[in-house]
Protein backbone atom coordinates (compact mmCIF):
# COMPACT_ATOMS: atom_id res chain seq x y z
CA MET A 1 3.61 -10.52 4.56
CA THR A 2 1.41 -13.52 4.02
CA ARG A 3 2.86 -14.87 6.98
CA LYS A 4 2.22 -11.83 8.79
CA LEU A 5 -1.74 -11.60 7.58
CA HIS A 6 -2.09 -15.59 8.77
CA ASP A 7 -0.76 -14.49 12.33
CA ILE A 8 -3.60 -11.81 12.33
CA ALA A 9 -6.53 -13.66 11.23
CA LYS A 10 -5.76 -16.31 13.94
CA ARG A 11 -5.61 -13.45 16.42
CA ALA A 12 -8.58 -11.67 14.76
CA ALA A 13 -10.76 -14.97 16.64
CA THR A 14 -9.32 -14.33 19.45
CA ARG A 15 -9.52 -10.49 19.89
CA PHE A 16 -12.86 -9.91 18.21
CA GLY A 17 -14.52 -13.12 19.62
CA TYR A 18 -16.25 -14.55 16.38
CA PRO A 19 -16.99 -18.21 16.50
CA SER A 20 -14.32 -20.42 15.18
CA THR A 21 -16.47 -23.32 14.19
CA GLY A 22 -19.26 -23.37 11.62
CA SER A 23 -22.45 -22.09 13.70
CA VAL A 24 -26.18 -21.35 13.12
CA LEU A 25 -27.09 -18.46 15.47
CA LYS A 26 -30.85 -17.87 15.87
CA GLY A 27 -32.75 -14.71 17.70
CA THR A 28 -33.15 -10.99 17.01
CA TRP A 29 -30.82 -8.44 16.13
CA PRO A 30 -32.24 -5.18 15.45
CA VAL A 31 -30.90 -2.87 12.78
CA LEU A 32 -31.52 0.64 13.76
CA ASP A 33 -32.14 3.69 11.32
CA ALA A 34 -30.24 6.82 12.00
CA ALA A 35 -33.24 7.33 14.50
CA GLY A 36 -32.50 4.98 16.20
CA ASN A 37 -35.65 3.18 15.22
CA GLN A 38 -35.71 -0.39 14.37
CA ALA A 39 -35.61 -0.54 10.44
CA LEU A 40 -35.60 -4.12 10.42
CA ALA A 41 -34.19 -6.94 12.38
CA ILE A 42 -31.25 -10.01 11.71
CA THR A 43 -33.33 -13.36 12.68
CA ALA A 44 -30.28 -15.77 11.91
CA VAL A 45 -26.50 -15.74 11.08
CA THR A 46 -24.82 -19.13 9.96
CA ILE A 47 -21.08 -18.74 9.82
CA THR A 48 -18.69 -20.62 8.21
CA PRO A 49 -14.84 -19.88 9.08
CA THR A 50 -12.30 -19.96 6.35
CA GLY A 51 -9.23 -22.18 5.86
CA ASP A 52 -5.91 -20.54 6.53
CA ASP A 53 -5.27 -20.01 2.85
CA ASP A 54 -8.29 -17.59 2.78
CA ALA A 55 -7.55 -16.11 6.21
CA ASP A 56 -3.85 -15.39 4.57
CA ASP A 57 -5.61 -12.75 2.67
CA GLY A 58 -8.06 -11.22 5.13
CA LEU A 59 -11.19 -13.46 4.27
CA LEU A 60 -12.43 -14.76 7.68
CA ALA A 61 -15.39 -16.52 7.74
CA PHE A 62 -18.56 -16.63 5.01
CA LEU A 63 -22.08 -15.68 6.34
CA VAL A 64 -25.76 -16.58 5.26
CA ILE A 65 -27.90 -13.80 6.76
CA GLU A 66 -31.85 -14.01 7.32
CA VAL A 67 -33.58 -10.90 7.73
CA GLU A 68 -36.90 -10.84 9.19
CA SER A 69 -37.40 -14.77 8.77
CA LEU A 70 -38.72 -13.78 5.27
CA PHE A 71 -35.19 -14.24 3.21
CA ARG A 72 -31.38 -15.16 3.31
CA ILE A 73 -28.68 -13.22 2.25
CA ASP A 74 -25.49 -15.97 1.06
CA GLY A 75 -22.24 -14.99 0.02
CA VAL A 76 -21.62 -12.09 2.72
CA THR A 77 -18.18 -12.53 3.98
CA LEU A 78 -16.32 -11.37 7.10
CA ARG A 79 -13.08 -10.03 6.82
CA LEU A 80 -10.03 -8.56 8.38
CA THR A 81 -9.01 -5.26 6.77
CA ASP A 82 -5.08 -3.92 6.34
CA GLU A 83 -5.77 -1.67 9.09
CA GLY A 84 -6.95 -4.73 11.13
CA ARG A 85 -10.86 -3.84 11.60
CA LEU A 86 -13.57 -6.33 10.78
CA ALA A 87 -16.00 -5.52 7.81
CA LEU A 88 -18.56 -6.95 5.70
CA SER A 89 -18.20 -7.58 1.93
CA PHE A 90 -21.57 -8.13 0.52
CA PRO A 91 -22.29 -10.10 -3.00
CA SER A 92 -21.55 -9.22 -6.10
CA ARG A 93 -21.25 -10.70 -9.58
CA THR A 94 -18.82 -9.85 -12.25
CA SER A 95 -19.53 -9.46 -15.96
CA ARG A 96 -17.71 -11.01 -18.75
CA ARG A 97 -16.29 -7.55 -19.41
CA GLY A 98 -15.13 -7.58 -15.96
CA THR A 99 -17.29 -5.22 -14.37
CA LYS A 100 -18.56 -5.72 -10.63
CA HIS A 101 -22.43 -5.69 -10.24
CA SER A 102 -23.75 -5.44 -6.33
CA LEU A 103 -26.60 -8.30 -6.06
CA VAL A 104 -27.13 -6.57 -2.73
CA ARG A 105 -25.57 -4.34 -0.69
CA PRO A 106 -26.46 -1.36 1.70
CA ARG A 107 -27.71 1.88 0.74
CA ASP A 108 -25.32 4.13 2.44
CA GLN A 109 -22.43 4.02 4.81
CA ALA A 110 -24.67 4.48 7.68
CA ALA A 111 -26.74 1.45 6.49
CA ARG A 112 -23.33 -0.28 6.23
CA ALA A 113 -22.58 0.77 10.03
CA ALA A 114 -26.12 0.00 11.52
CA ILE A 115 -26.11 -3.55 9.58
CA GLU A 116 -22.83 -4.56 10.90
CA ARG A 117 -23.43 -3.46 14.23
CA ALA A 118 -26.37 -6.12 14.46
CA ILE A 119 -24.32 -9.04 12.68
CA PHE A 120 -21.58 -8.59 14.82
CA ALA A 121 -23.78 -8.55 18.07
CA ALA A 122 -25.36 -11.42 16.37
CA LEU A 123 -21.91 -12.98 16.15
CA GLY A 124 -20.82 -12.15 19.47
CA ILE A 125 -17.91 -9.67 18.34
CA ARG A 126 -16.97 -7.60 21.16
CA GLU A 127 -15.43 -4.79 19.13
CA GLU A 128 -17.01 -3.09 15.86
CA ALA A 129 -15.41 -1.91 12.95
CA GLN A 130 -14.19 1.49 12.97
CA ARG A 131 -15.55 3.73 10.64
C-alpha cells in the first residue's frame, strides 16, 4: 500500500502540474462568492514540496497563503486523497485531551471549494479537486 501511495504521489505532480520545487508565487487570484463576485484575493502562495516519506501518506506540499497582501495563513497542506483528488487541509492544534481545534478554516463547503479553486489556479494546477 505504501508503495502504491508513493507512486500516486509522484504521478500527482505531473498529472496536476503543481510546482515540484519550493517557490513563491505572487499575483492576484480571486476567491469568488456564490454569486460570482470577488470576496477576497489570494496575493501570494509559497509552496514547499514534502519528501517521499510524507508523500507516501498523501502529504504533497506545505503552503503559506497570503490574503489581500495583509496576512498569511501558514500550515496549509496540499494532499492527495485516497480517491486520487487534490485537497487542501487547514491548520489546527490538538489539545492535551486530544481534541482538534481549527486555527483557521473555510466557513462552509462552498467557501472551501472557492478557496481551493483560487489556490489551485495560483499553483497552476490543471485539474481542481472534484466535490
